Amino acid sequence: MEWYVILALVLGIPIVLLPVAFVWYLNVSGLYQVIRDMRQRRKRRARVLGEAAALARSRVSVAATEKGGE
């Protein structure tokens, strides 16, 4: 191979791979953001459901004591 072909390959490969790496980075960071948001949503939902269950239990026990202590 001639030296200019090798030089063209050495300079051309990074130029071609830079946009590919950038798009890959955008995809991976987007997936990470979606997974992180999903975990936060799941934790928040579990906390709210736990609070609702505790509130329902407390209302049931209050209602039971008002009716005559079941």
Protein backbone atom coordinates (compact mmCIF):
# COMPACT_ATOMS: atom_id res chain seq x y z
CA MET A 1 0.00 0.00 0.00
CA GLU A 2 1.10 3.50 -0.68
CA TRP A 3 1.70 5.88 2.21
CA TYR A 4 -1.16 8.20 1.23
CA VAL A 5 -3.69 5.33 1.40
CA ILE A 6 -2.52 4.49 4.92
CA LEU A 7 -2.68 8.17 5.87
CA ALA A 8 -6.20 8.44 4.44
CA LEU A 9 -7.29 5.39 6.45
CA VAL A 10 -5.69 6.67 9.66
CA LEU A 11 -7.42 10.04 9.26
CA GLY A 12 -10.68 8.76 7.76
CA ILE A 13 -11.56 6.04 10.27
CA PRO A 14 -11.83 8.38 13.29
CA ILE A 15 -13.86 10.87 11.24
CA VAL A 16 -16.33 8.12 10.32
CA LEU A 17 -16.43 6.61 13.82
CA LEU A 18 -16.98 9.92 15.66
CA PRO A 19 -20.64 10.33 14.60
CA VAL A 20 -21.25 6.63 15.26
CA ALA A 21 -19.84 6.96 18.78
CA PHE A 22 -21.91 10.11 19.38
CA VAL A 23 -25.16 8.43 18.34
CA TRP A 24 -24.28 5.41 20.50
CA TYR A 25 -23.65 7.74 23.45
CA LEU A 26 -27.04 9.42 22.93
CA ASN A 27 -28.80 6.04 22.83
CA VAL A 28 -27.08 4.70 25.94
CA SER A 29 -27.60 7.89 27.94
CA GLY A 30 -31.26 7.96 26.89
CA LEU A 31 -31.76 4.38 28.02
CA TYR A 32 -30.05 5.14 31.32
CA GLN A 33 -32.36 8.13 31.87
CA VAL A 34 -35.46 6.04 31.12
CA ILE A 35 -34.36 3.27 33.49
CA ARG A 36 -33.54 5.78 36.24
CA ASP A 37 -36.93 7.49 35.85
CA MET A 38 -38.71 4.13 35.89
CA ARG A 39 -36.99 3.16 39.15
CA GLN A 40 -37.90 6.49 40.75
CA ARG A 41 -41.51 6.14 39.60
CA ARG A 42 -41.67 2.60 40.99
CA LYS A 43 -40.29 3.71 44.38
CA ARG A 44 -42.69 6.66 44.55
CA ARG A 45 -45.64 4.43 43.64
CA ALA A 46 -44.70 1.85 46.29
CA ARG A 47 -44.40 4.61 48.90
CA VAL A 48 -47.78 6.10 48.00
CA LEU A 49 -49.45 2.69 47.96
CA GLY A 50 -47.91 1.89 51.35
CA GLU A 51 -49.21 5.16 52.77
CA ALA A 52 -52.65 4.48 51.32
CA ALA A 53 -52.69 0.98 52.80
CA ALA A 54 -51.67 2.33 56.21
CA LEU A 55 -54.38 4.97 56.00
CA ALA A 56 -56.97 2.35 55.01
CA ARG A 57 -55.93 0.13 57.93
CA SER A 58 -56.20 2.99 60.38
CA ARG A 59 -59.65 3.94 59.10
CA VAL A 60 -60.84 0.34 59.32
CA SER A 61 -59.66 0.02 62.89
CA VAL A 62 -61.31 3.32 63.86
CA ALA A 63 -64.55 2.27 62.16
CA ALA A 64 -64.45 -1.10 63.91
CA THR A 65 -64.02 0.47 67.34
CA GLU A 66 -66.89 2.89 66.71
CA LYS A 67 -69.23 0.00 65.77
CA GLY A 68 -68.57 -1.93 68.89
CA GLY A 69 -65.04 -3.26 68.84
CA GLU A 70 -64.73 -5.94 66.20
